[in-house]
Amino acid sequence: MRMDRKASLLLSSLLLVVALPLNATQVGGPRPSLPPLQPLEGVWEATVRSWQYNSVTGGYIEVFTPISASTREGCEAQLSNIDSSATIVKFCTFRAY
């Protein structure tokens, strides 16, 4: 019977030690509230490569055309209207100011 009492005391002590952190307060006090996130200002950019005939040299030259828009949808809309012979070198990516 003496062992049961020791085991009971040990078990209750163990439960007390485990339950203590659940009631503990945060170290350093409450966390300060953070200001609301502000949207980033910037531009959406893409680059398109095409070939144009050069009448001076009688050959073709590679031309890189930058595309920019204030929204991603605007940038993608411009890319959907490129010539079928042109290729997209850099898809719409956001560049913050």
Protein backbone atom coordinates (compact mmCIF):
# COMPACT_ATOMS: atom_id res chain seq x y z
CA MET A 1 0.00 0.00 0.00
CA ARG A 2 2.94 2.27 0.67
CA MET A 3 4.05 1.93 -3.02
CA ASP A 4 0.64 2.98 -4.26
CA ARG A 5 0.82 6.14 -2.21
CA LYS A 6 4.28 7.00 -3.55
CA ALA A 7 3.17 6.27 -7.13
CA SER A 8 0.10 8.44 -6.65
CA LEU A 9 2.18 11.29 -5.24
CA LEU A 10 4.70 10.97 -8.09
CA LEU A 11 1.95 10.96 -10.70
CA SER A 12 0.22 14.03 -9.25
CA SER A 13 3.57 15.87 -9.05
CA LEU A 14 4.30 15.00 -12.67
CA LEU A 15 0.89 16.25 -13.78
CA LEU A 16 1.43 19.48 -11.87
CA VAL A 17 4.80 20.06 -13.55
CA VAL A 18 3.30 19.41 -16.99
CA ALA A 19 0.32 21.70 -16.37
CA LEU A 20 2.36 24.67 -15.08
CA PRO A 21 3.49 25.94 -18.53
CA LEU A 22 -0.12 25.96 -19.70
CA ASN A 23 -0.97 28.65 -17.17
CA ALA A 24 2.27 30.62 -17.52
CA THR A 25 2.15 34.17 -18.81
CA GLN A 26 4.15 35.32 -21.78
CA VAL A 27 7.66 36.48 -20.96
CA GLY A 28 8.07 40.22 -21.46
CA GLY A 29 4.37 41.00 -21.35
CA PRO A 30 1.84 41.04 -24.16
CA ARG A 31 3.02 41.37 -27.75
CA PRO A 32 2.62 44.81 -29.31
CA SER A 33 0.12 45.11 -32.13
CA LEU A 34 1.70 45.42 -35.57
CA PRO A 35 0.67 48.13 -38.02
CA PRO A 36 -1.43 46.93 -40.97
CA LEU A 37 0.49 45.83 -44.06
CA GLN A 38 0.76 48.44 -46.78
CA PRO A 39 0.53 47.31 -50.40
CA LEU A 40 3.80 47.55 -52.29
CA GLU A 41 4.07 50.17 -54.98
CA GLY A 42 5.68 49.10 -58.20
CA VAL A 43 5.19 47.90 -61.73
CA TRP A 44 4.70 44.59 -63.51
CA GLU A 45 7.31 44.03 -66.22
CA ALA A 46 7.92 41.55 -69.00
CA THR A 47 10.27 41.30 -71.98
CA VAL A 48 9.46 40.07 -75.48
CA ARG A 49 11.99 39.12 -78.17
CA SER A 50 11.24 39.45 -81.87
CA TRP A 51 13.14 39.71 -85.16
CA GLN A 52 12.89 42.72 -87.48
CA TYR A 53 14.20 43.10 -91.00
CA ASN A 54 16.96 45.71 -91.33
CA SER A 55 16.94 47.20 -94.84
CA VAL A 56 20.43 48.70 -94.40
CA THR A 57 22.17 45.38 -93.75
CA GLY A 58 19.63 43.25 -95.58
CA GLY A 59 19.33 40.95 -92.59
CA TYR A 60 17.32 40.49 -89.45
CA ILE A 61 18.10 41.98 -86.08
CA GLU A 62 16.98 40.74 -82.70
CA VAL A 63 14.80 43.26 -80.85
CA PHE A 64 13.91 43.12 -77.15
CA THR A 65 10.71 44.98 -76.27
CA PRO A 66 9.96 45.82 -72.62
CA ILE A 67 6.35 45.64 -71.45
CA SER A 68 5.12 47.26 -68.24
CA ALA A 69 1.76 47.68 -66.56
CA SER A 70 0.45 48.71 -63.17
CA THR A 71 -1.35 45.37 -62.65
CA ARG A 72 -0.48 41.76 -63.36
CA GLU A 73 -3.62 41.38 -65.43
CA GLY A 74 -2.62 44.37 -67.57
CA CYS A 75 0.83 42.89 -68.17
CA GLU A 76 -0.59 39.48 -69.11
CA ALA A 77 -3.13 41.16 -71.42
CA GLN A 78 -0.31 42.87 -73.30
CA LEU A 79 1.55 39.56 -73.61
CA SER A 80 -1.53 37.87 -75.03
CA ASN A 81 -1.48 40.41 -77.90
CA ILE A 82 2.11 39.87 -79.06
CA ASP A 83 2.90 38.63 -82.56
CA SER A 84 2.97 34.86 -82.97
CA SER A 85 6.59 34.97 -84.15
CA ALA A 86 7.73 36.76 -80.97
CA THR A 87 8.80 34.91 -77.83
CA ILE A 88 8.46 35.87 -74.19
CA VAL A 89 11.92 36.17 -72.64
CA LYS A 90 10.77 37.25 -69.17
CA PHE A 91 7.19 36.69 -68.01
CA CYS A 92 5.33 39.28 -65.90
CA THR A 93 7.26 39.90 -62.68
CA PHE A 94 6.67 42.56 -60.03
CA ARG A 95 9.34 45.19 -59.44
CA ALA A 96 8.80 47.35 -56.37
CA TYR A 97 9.78 51.01 -56.42
